[in-house]
């Protein structure tokens, strides 16, 4: 029998796999921010169970898997999760296409700490990841529909 945490945890696991799956060189910049998308959905759907602590923990896990400075993704995901957790009732009332438009600046705030750290670390002139942000906004309706289907199928309220 599927439990609530196995469905949500499975979604996060798949998001992590999609984050680290190798892509061709031309598609690397187009990679959506899978973990942030799944996190945002579950915070909107289950705000009392998935929250800022989940965002922080997932960010630390992403940092550890990437071998990056520990805490950068944790801060990024927490920055993205806070407005969603704070205004989840209002966000749930918006149509999905408006949620897609709101995700783009929200994700821009989320990726800024990594962008800023890359600039401070003398790693050349980093490019802000606009293609990935736009891709994330474009695929949000499908991510939303799939995760909503899973939530309803397994009776997560």
C-alpha atoms as a PDB file:
ATOM      1  CA  UNK A   1       0.000   0.000   0.000  1.00  0.00           C
ATOM      2  CA  UNK A   2       1.297   3.416  -0.949  1.00  0.00           C
ATOM      3  CA  UNK A   3       1.722   5.828   1.888  1.00  0.00           C
ATOM      4  CA  UNK A   4       1.665   9.576   1.640  1.00  0.00           C
ATOM      5  CA  UNK A   5       5.394   9.944   2.111  1.00  0.00           C
ATOM      6  CA  UNK A   6       6.283   7.287  -0.448  1.00  0.00           C
ATOM      7  CA  UNK A   7       4.310   9.099  -3.169  1.00  0.00           C
ATOM      8  CA  UNK A   8       5.785  12.508  -2.318  1.00  0.00           C
ATOM      9  CA  UNK A   9       9.259  11.029  -1.783  1.00  0.00           C
ATOM     10  CA  UNK A  10       9.021   9.142  -5.072  1.00  0.00           C
ATOM     11  CA  UNK A  11       8.186  12.382  -6.863  1.00  0.00           C
ATOM     12  CA  UNK A  12      11.206  14.077  -5.306  1.00  0.00           C
ATOM     13  CA  UNK A  13      13.404  11.101  -6.218  1.00  0.00           C
ATOM     14  CA  UNK A  14      12.288  11.271  -9.860  1.00  0.00           C
ATOM     15  CA  UNK A  15      12.910  15.036  -9.855  1.00  0.00           C
ATOM     16  CA  UNK A  16      16.445  14.426  -8.548  1.00  0.00           C
ATOM     17  CA  UNK A  17      17.074  11.785 -11.226  1.00  0.00           C
ATOM     18  CA  UNK A  18      15.837  14.182 -13.928  1.00  0.00           C
ATOM     19  CA  UNK A  19      18.097  16.877 -12.506  1.00  0.00           C
ATOM     20  CA  UNK A  20      21.232  14.740 -12.766  1.00  0.00           C
ATOM     21  CA  UNK A  21      20.535  12.780 -15.942  1.00  0.00           C
ATOM     22  CA  UNK A  22      23.141  13.659 -18.582  1.00  0.00           C
ATOM     23  CA  UNK A  23      21.918  15.790 -21.476  1.00  0.00           C
ATOM     24  CA  UNK A  24      23.518  16.737 -24.797  1.00  0.00           C
ATOM     25  CA  UNK A  25      25.543  19.938 -24.713  1.00  0.00           C
ATOM     26  CA  UNK A  26      22.893  21.930 -26.586  1.00  0.00           C
ATOM     27  CA  UNK A  27      20.179  20.961 -24.087  1.00  0.00           C
ATOM     28  CA  UNK A  28      22.021  21.573 -20.819  1.00  0.00           C
ATOM     29  CA  UNK A  29      20.900  25.206 -20.546  1.00  0.00           C
ATOM     30  CA  UNK A  30      17.310  24.225 -21.350  1.00  0.00           C
ATOM     31  CA  UNK A  31      17.050  21.815 -18.413  1.00  0.00           C
ATOM     32  CA  UNK A  32      14.083  22.733 -16.240  1.00  0.00           C
ATOM     33  CA  UNK A  33      14.564  23.071 -12.498  1.00  0.00           C
ATOM     34  CA  UNK A  34      12.843  19.800 -11.711  1.00  0.00           C
ATOM     35  CA  UNK A  35      13.370  19.750  -7.965  1.00  0.00           C
ATOM     36  CA  UNK A  36      12.042  23.292  -7.573  1.00  0.00           C
ATOM     37  CA  UNK A  37       8.997  22.550  -9.750  1.00  0.00           C
ATOM     38  CA  UNK A  38       8.058  19.441  -7.790  1.00  0.00           C
ATOM     39  CA  UNK A  39       8.747  21.195  -4.494  1.00  0.00           C
ATOM     40  CA  UNK A  40       6.549  24.150  -5.445  1.00  0.00           C
ATOM     41  CA  UNK A  41       3.688  21.850  -6.404  1.00  0.00           C
ATOM     42  CA  UNK A  42       3.805  19.858  -3.169  1.00  0.00           C
ATOM     43  CA  UNK A  43       4.057  23.009  -1.053  1.00  0.00           C
ATOM     44  CA  UNK A  44       0.937  24.365  -2.763  1.00  0.00           C
ATOM     45  CA  UNK A  45      -0.890  21.031  -2.469  1.00  0.00           C
ATOM     46  CA  UNK A  46       0.223  19.898   1.009  1.00  0.00           C
ATOM     47  CA  UNK A  47       1.508  23.012   2.820  1.00  0.00           C
ATOM     48  CA  UNK A  48       1.179  21.449   6.253  1.00  0.00           C
ATOM     49  CA  UNK A  49       3.390  18.481   5.308  1.00  0.00           C
ATOM     50  CA  UNK A  50       5.860  19.849   2.736  1.00  0.00           C
ATOM     51  CA  UNK A  51       7.421  23.140   3.764  1.00  0.00           C
ATOM     52  CA  UNK A  52      10.627  25.138   4.129  1.00  0.00           C
ATOM     53  CA  UNK A  53      12.351  22.320   6.017  1.00  0.00           C
ATOM     54  CA  UNK A  54      11.723  20.039   3.062  1.00  0.00           C
ATOM     55  CA  UNK A  55      13.113  22.700   0.721  1.00  0.00           C
ATOM     56  CA  UNK A  56      16.248  23.086   2.849  1.00  0.00           C
ATOM     57  CA  UNK A  57      16.786  19.310   3.067  1.00  0.00           C
ATOM     58  CA  UNK A  58      16.323  18.806  -0.681  1.00  0.00           C
ATOM     59  CA  UNK A  59      18.716  21.670  -1.372  1.00  0.00           C
ATOM     60  CA  UNK A  60      21.387  20.103   0.827  1.00  0.00           C
ATOM     61  CA  UNK A  61      20.879  16.811  -0.993  1.00  0.00           C
ATOM     62  CA  UNK A  62      21.264  18.506  -4.387  1.00  0.00           C
ATOM     63  CA  UNK A  63      24.403  20.303  -3.168  1.00  0.00           C
ATOM     64  CA  UNK A  64      25.896  17.047  -1.914  1.00  0.00           C
ATOM     65  CA  UNK A  65      25.105  15.218  -5.171  1.00  0.00           C
ATOM     66  CA  UNK A  66      26.581  18.005  -7.308  1.00  0.00           C
ATOM     67  CA  UNK A  67      29.621  18.495  -5.120  1.00  0.00           C
ATOM     68  CA  UNK A  68      28.870  22.212  -4.911  1.00  0.00           C
ATOM     69  CA  UNK A  69      29.309  24.504  -1.949  1.00  0.00           C
ATOM     70  CA  UNK A  70      27.027  23.078   0.702  1.00  0.00           C
ATOM     71  CA  UNK A  71      24.002  25.283   1.313  1.00  0.00           C
ATOM     72  CA  UNK A  72      23.729  27.152  -1.999  1.00  0.00           C
ATOM     73  CA  UNK A  73      20.891  25.041  -3.402  1.00  0.00           C
ATOM     74  CA  UNK A  74      19.398  24.798   0.078  1.00  0.00           C
ATOM     75  CA  UNK A  75      19.199  28.588   0.204  1.00  0.00           C
ATOM     76  CA  UNK A  76      17.927  28.741  -3.380  1.00  0.00           C
ATOM     77  CA  UNK A  77      15.120  26.253  -2.840  1.00  0.00           C
ATOM     78  CA  UNK A  78      14.164  27.856   0.452  1.00  0.00           C
ATOM     79  CA  UNK A  79      13.985  31.283  -1.216  1.00  0.00           C
ATOM     80  CA  UNK A  80      11.682  29.808  -3.868  1.00  0.00           C
ATOM     81  CA  UNK A  81       9.605  27.906  -1.324  1.00  0.00           C
ATOM     82  CA  UNK A  82       8.926  30.744   1.110  1.00  0.00           C
ATOM     83  CA  UNK A  83       6.573  32.848  -1.069  1.00  0.00           C
ATOM     84  CA  UNK A  84       4.790  29.677  -2.183  1.00  0.00           C
ATOM     85  CA  UNK A  85       4.317  28.542   1.419  1.00  0.00           C
ATOM     86  CA  UNK A  86       3.245  32.010   2.501  1.00  0.00           C
ATOM     87  CA  UNK A  87       0.738  32.579  -0.315  1.00  0.00           C
ATOM     88  CA  UNK A  88      -0.248  29.002  -1.171  1.00  0.00           C
ATOM     89  CA  UNK A  89      -3.979  29.691  -0.918  1.00  0.00           C
ATOM     90  CA  UNK A  90      -3.780  32.596  -3.348  1.00  0.00           C
ATOM     91  CA  UNK A  91      -1.527  30.669  -5.753  1.00  0.00           C
ATOM     92  CA  UNK A  92      -3.883  27.697  -5.793  1.00  0.00           C
ATOM     93  CA  UNK A  93      -6.714  29.997  -6.901  1.00  0.00           C
ATOM     94  CA  UNK A  94      -4.814  31.165  -9.992  1.00  0.00           C
ATOM     95  CA  UNK A  95      -5.267  29.364 -13.304  1.00  0.00           C
ATOM     96  CA  UNK A  96      -2.317  27.170 -14.283  1.00  0.00           C
ATOM     97  CA  UNK A  97      -1.162  29.535 -17.033  1.00  0.00           C
ATOM     98  CA  UNK A  98      -0.887  32.372 -14.498  1.00  0.00           C
ATOM     99  CA  UNK A  99       1.005  30.092 -12.136  1.00  0.00           C
ATOM    100  CA  UNK A 100       3.423  29.420 -15.022  1.00  0.00           C
ATOM    101  CA  UNK A 101       4.028  33.134 -15.443  1.00  0.00           C
ATOM    102  CA  UNK A 102       4.570  33.577 -11.706  1.00  0.00           C
ATOM    103  CA  UNK A 103       7.042  30.700 -11.603  1.00  0.00           C
ATOM    104  CA  UNK A 104       9.548  32.417 -13.893  1.00  0.00           C
ATOM    105  CA  UNK A 105      10.449  35.330 -11.543  1.00  0.00           C
ATOM    106  CA  UNK A 106      10.150  33.007  -8.560  1.00  0.00           C
ATOM    107  CA  UNK A 107      12.663  30.617 -10.126  1.00  0.00           C
ATOM    108  CA  UNK A 108      14.895  33.580 -11.045  1.00  0.00           C
ATOM    109  CA  UNK A 109      15.097  34.459  -7.350  1.00  0.00           C
ATOM    110  CA  UNK A 110      15.812  30.803  -6.619  1.00  0.00           C
ATOM    111  CA  UNK A 111      18.753  30.487  -9.022  1.00  0.00           C
ATOM    112  CA  UNK A 112      20.298  33.841  -8.131  1.00  0.00           C
ATOM    113  CA  UNK A 113      22.436  32.637  -5.172  1.00  0.00           C
ATOM    114  CA  UNK A 114      24.195  30.082  -7.393  1.00  0.00           C
ATOM    115  CA  UNK A 115      24.665  32.682 -10.131  1.00  0.00           C
ATOM    116  CA  UNK A 116      26.025  35.188  -7.643  1.00  0.00           C
ATOM    117  CA  UNK A 117      28.388  32.640  -6.092  1.00  0.00           C
ATOM    118  CA  UNK A 118      29.719  31.667  -9.529  1.00  0.00           C
ATOM    119  CA  UNK A 119      30.438  35.358 -10.225  1.00  0.00           C
ATOM    120  CA  UNK A 120      32.126  35.833  -6.865  1.00  0.00           C
ATOM    121  CA  UNK A 121      34.231  32.722  -7.322  1.00  0.00           C
ATOM    122  CA  UNK A 122      36.128  34.145 -10.307  1.00  0.00           C
ATOM    123  CA  UNK A 123      34.759  31.468 -12.615  1.00  0.00           C
ATOM    124  CA  UNK A 124      34.639  33.834 -15.533  1.00  0.00           C
ATOM    125  CA  UNK A 125      31.519  35.672 -16.576  1.00  0.00           C
ATOM    126  CA  UNK A 126      28.591  33.402 -15.653  1.00  0.00           C
ATOM    127  CA  UNK A 127      25.428  33.538 -17.726  1.00  0.00           C
ATOM    128  CA  UNK A 128      22.115  33.843 -15.955  1.00  0.00           C
ATOM    129  CA  UNK A 129      20.146  30.644 -16.725  1.00  0.00           C
ATOM    130  CA  UNK A 130      17.184  32.219 -18.548  1.00  0.00           C
ATOM    131  CA  UNK A 131      16.573  29.244 -20.889  1.00  0.00           C
ATOM    132  CA  UNK A 132      16.080  26.864 -17.953  1.00  0.00           C
ATOM    133  CA  UNK A 133      13.756  29.324 -16.235  1.00  0.00           C
ATOM    134  CA  UNK A 134      11.617  29.714 -19.346  1.00  0.00           C
ATOM    135  CA  UNK A 135      11.538  25.955 -19.878  1.00  0.00           C
ATOM    136  CA  UNK A 136      10.420  25.515 -16.265  1.00  0.00           C
ATOM    137  CA  UNK A 137       7.583  27.962 -16.809  1.00  0.00           C
ATOM    138  CA  UNK A 138       6.569  26.284 -20.052  1.00  0.00           C
ATOM    139  CA  UNK A 139       6.405  22.759 -18.639  1.00  0.00           C
ATOM    140  CA  UNK A 140       4.648  23.772 -15.403  1.00  0.00           C
ATOM    141  CA  UNK A 141       1.134  22.949 -16.740  1.00  0.00           C
ATOM    142  CA  UNK A 142       2.205  19.360 -17.478  1.00  0.00           C
ATOM    143  CA  UNK A 143       4.064  18.953 -14.184  1.00  0.00           C
ATOM    144  CA  UNK A 144       1.049  20.384 -12.356  1.00  0.00           C
ATOM    145  CA  UNK A 145      -1.382  18.059 -14.157  1.00  0.00           C
ATOM    146  CA  UNK A 146       0.750  14.962 -13.564  1.00  0.00           C
ATOM    147  CA  UNK A 147       1.331  15.642  -9.872  1.00  0.00           C
ATOM    148  CA  UNK A 148      -2.313  16.587  -9.321  1.00  0.00           C
ATOM    149  CA  UNK A 149      -3.317  13.289 -10.934  1.00  0.00           C
ATOM    150  CA  UNK A 150      -0.967  11.405  -8.590  1.00  0.00           C
ATOM    151  CA  UNK A 151      -2.255  13.315  -5.570  1.00  0.00           C
ATOM    152  CA  UNK A 152      -5.860  12.505  -6.414  1.00  0.00           C
ATOM    153  CA  UNK A 153      -5.127   8.908  -7.383  1.00  0.00           C
ATOM    154  CA  UNK A 154      -3.464   8.119  -4.056  1.00  0.00           C
ATOM    155  CA  UNK A 155      -5.886  10.208  -1.998  1.00  0.00           C
ATOM    156  CA  UNK A 156      -3.427  12.765  -0.668  1.00  0.00           C
ATOM    157  CA  UNK A 157      -5.448  15.609   0.769  1.00  0.00           C
END
